[in-house]
């Protein structure tokens, strides 16, 4: 195998890995935001249910 072929293979694998990791990061970030938003509303509902006063 010559150096150009090895270089091409490494470049393709590197680009593919970066794309995969980028997609995984953005999906994880979206899931994190979704759970944070729903978690806050559940906490506020629990606070109202037990009639605690929240500072404004």
N, C-alpha and C. Protein backbone atom coordinates (compact mmCIF):
# COMPACT_ATOMS: atom_id res chain seq x y z
N UNK A 1 0.86 -1.19 0.00
CA UNK A 1 0.00 0.00 0.00
C UNK A 1 0.89 1.24 0.00
N UNK A 2 0.51 2.19 -0.78
CA UNK A 2 1.28 3.42 -0.82
C UNK A 2 0.74 4.43 0.20
N UNK A 3 1.51 5.44 0.44
CA UNK A 3 1.17 6.44 1.46
C UNK A 3 -0.11 7.19 1.12
N UNK A 4 -0.35 7.50 -0.14
CA UNK A 4 -1.56 8.25 -0.53
C UNK A 4 -2.83 7.46 -0.21
N UNK A 5 -2.80 6.17 -0.41
CA UNK A 5 -3.98 5.34 -0.12
C UNK A 5 -4.25 5.30 1.38
N UNK A 6 -3.19 5.13 2.16
CA UNK A 6 -3.34 5.11 3.62
C UNK A 6 -3.84 6.46 4.11
N UNK A 7 -3.30 7.53 3.56
CA UNK A 7 -3.73 8.88 3.93
C UNK A 7 -5.20 9.10 3.60
N UNK A 8 -5.65 8.63 2.46
CA UNK A 8 -7.06 8.77 2.06
C UNK A 8 -7.97 8.00 3.01
N UNK A 9 -7.56 6.78 3.37
CA UNK A 9 -8.37 5.98 4.28
C UNK A 9 -8.49 6.66 5.64
N UNK A 10 -7.38 7.14 6.18
CA UNK A 10 -7.42 7.83 7.47
C UNK A 10 -8.27 9.10 7.40
N UNK A 11 -8.18 9.83 6.32
CA UNK A 11 -8.96 11.06 6.16
C UNK A 11 -10.46 10.75 6.12
N UNK A 12 -10.84 9.73 5.38
CA UNK A 12 -12.26 9.35 5.29
C UNK A 12 -12.77 8.88 6.66
N UNK A 13 -12.00 8.06 7.35
CA UNK A 13 -12.41 7.59 8.69
C UNK A 13 -12.51 8.75 9.66
N UNK A 14 -11.55 9.67 9.62
CA UNK A 14 -11.56 10.82 10.51
C UNK A 14 -12.79 11.71 10.27
N UNK A 15 -13.11 11.97 9.01
CA UNK A 15 -14.28 12.79 8.69
C UNK A 15 -15.56 12.07 9.12
N UNK A 16 -15.64 10.78 8.86
CA UNK A 16 -16.82 10.02 9.29
C UNK A 16 -17.00 10.02 10.80
N UNK A 17 -15.90 9.87 11.52
CA UNK A 17 -15.97 9.89 12.98
C UNK A 17 -16.41 11.26 13.49
N UNK A 18 -15.90 12.33 12.89
CA UNK A 18 -16.31 13.67 13.29
C UNK A 18 -17.80 13.91 13.04
N UNK A 19 -18.30 13.45 11.92
CA UNK A 19 -19.72 13.60 11.62
C UNK A 19 -20.56 12.82 12.63
N UNK A 20 -20.17 11.59 12.91
CA UNK A 20 -20.90 10.78 13.89
C UNK A 20 -20.91 11.43 15.27
N UNK A 21 -19.75 11.90 15.72
CA UNK A 21 -19.67 12.52 17.05
C UNK A 21 -20.45 13.83 17.09
N UNK A 22 -20.43 14.59 16.01
CA UNK A 22 -21.20 15.84 15.96
C UNK A 22 -22.69 15.58 16.06
N UNK A 23 -23.18 14.60 15.32
CA UNK A 23 -24.60 14.26 15.37
C UNK A 23 -24.97 13.76 16.77
N UNK A 24 -24.13 12.93 17.36
CA UNK A 24 -24.40 12.42 18.71
C UNK A 24 -24.45 13.55 19.73
N UNK A 25 -23.53 14.51 19.61
CA UNK A 25 -23.50 15.63 20.55
C UNK A 25 -24.77 16.46 20.46
N UNK A 26 -25.20 16.79 19.24
CA UNK A 26 -26.39 17.61 19.10
C UNK A 26 -27.66 16.88 19.53
N UNK A 27 -27.74 15.58 19.30
CA UNK A 27 -28.89 14.82 19.77
C UNK A 27 -28.92 14.78 21.29
N UNK A 28 -27.78 14.58 21.91
CA UNK A 28 -27.69 14.55 23.37
C UNK A 28 -28.06 15.91 23.95
N UNK A 29 -27.65 16.97 23.30
CA UNK A 29 -27.95 18.33 23.77
C UNK A 29 -29.45 18.58 23.70
N UNK A 30 -30.11 18.13 22.64
CA UNK A 30 -31.55 18.31 22.51
C UNK A 30 -32.31 17.51 23.56
N UNK A 31 -31.88 16.31 23.85
CA UNK A 31 -32.52 15.48 24.87
C UNK A 31 -32.35 16.13 26.24
N UNK A 32 -31.18 16.68 26.48
CA UNK A 32 -30.90 17.33 27.75
C UNK A 32 -31.82 18.53 27.95
N UNK A 33 -32.01 19.33 26.90
CA UNK A 33 -32.90 20.49 26.99
C UNK A 33 -34.35 20.05 27.21
N UNK A 34 -34.78 19.00 26.54
CA UNK A 34 -36.16 18.53 26.67
C UNK A 34 -36.43 18.03 28.09
N UNK A 35 -35.50 17.31 28.68
CA UNK A 35 -35.73 16.80 30.03
C UNK A 35 -35.67 17.92 31.05
N UNK A 36 -34.86 18.93 30.82
CA UNK A 36 -34.77 20.05 31.75
C UNK A 36 -36.07 20.84 31.75
N UNK A 37 -36.62 21.09 30.59
CA UNK A 37 -37.86 21.87 30.50
C UNK A 37 -39.03 21.13 31.14
N UNK A 38 -39.17 19.84 30.86
CA UNK A 38 -40.29 19.10 31.43
C UNK A 38 -40.09 18.91 32.92
N UNK A 39 -38.87 18.77 33.37
CA UNK A 39 -38.59 18.61 34.78
C UNK A 39 -38.98 19.83 35.58
N UNK A 40 -38.74 21.03 35.03
CA UNK A 40 -39.11 22.27 35.72
C UNK A 40 -40.61 22.39 35.89
N UNK A 41 -41.37 22.03 34.87
CA UNK A 41 -42.82 22.15 34.97
C UNK A 41 -43.37 21.15 36.00
N UNK A 42 -42.78 19.97 36.08
CA UNK A 42 -43.23 18.99 37.07
C UNK A 42 -42.92 19.48 38.48
N UNK A 43 -41.76 20.10 38.66
CA UNK A 43 -41.39 20.62 39.98
C UNK A 43 -42.35 21.74 40.38
N UNK A 44 -42.65 22.64 39.45
CA UNK A 44 -43.57 23.74 39.75
C UNK A 44 -44.97 23.20 40.08
N UNK A 45 -45.41 22.15 39.40
CA UNK A 45 -46.72 21.56 39.69
C UNK A 45 -46.72 20.95 41.09
N UNK A 46 -45.62 20.30 41.46
CA UNK A 46 -45.52 19.74 42.81
C UNK A 46 -45.53 20.83 43.87
N UNK A 47 -44.86 21.93 43.60
CA UNK A 47 -44.83 23.05 44.55
C UNK A 47 -46.23 23.61 44.73
N UNK A 48 -46.94 23.78 43.63
CA UNK A 48 -48.32 24.30 43.73
C UNK A 48 -49.22 23.31 44.47
N UNK A 49 -49.00 22.03 44.25
CA UNK A 49 -49.82 21.00 44.87
C UNK A 49 -49.68 21.03 46.38
N UNK A 50 -48.47 21.21 46.88
CA UNK A 50 -48.30 21.23 48.33
C UNK A 50 -48.39 22.66 48.91
N UNK A 51 -48.73 23.62 48.04
CA UNK A 51 -49.04 25.01 48.41
C UNK A 51 -47.89 25.74 49.07
N UNK A 52 -46.74 25.60 48.51
CA UNK A 52 -45.59 26.40 48.95
C UNK A 52 -45.63 27.73 48.23
N UNK A 53 -45.13 28.76 48.86
CA UNK A 53 -45.08 30.06 48.21
C UNK A 53 -43.70 30.23 47.58
N UNK A 54 -43.71 30.60 46.33
CA UNK A 54 -42.47 30.80 45.57
C UNK A 54 -42.14 32.28 45.53
N UNK A 55 -40.91 32.64 45.80
CA UNK A 55 -40.54 34.06 45.63
C UNK A 55 -40.57 34.43 44.16
N UNK A 56 -40.99 35.62 43.85
CA UNK A 56 -41.12 36.03 42.45
C UNK A 56 -39.82 36.45 41.87
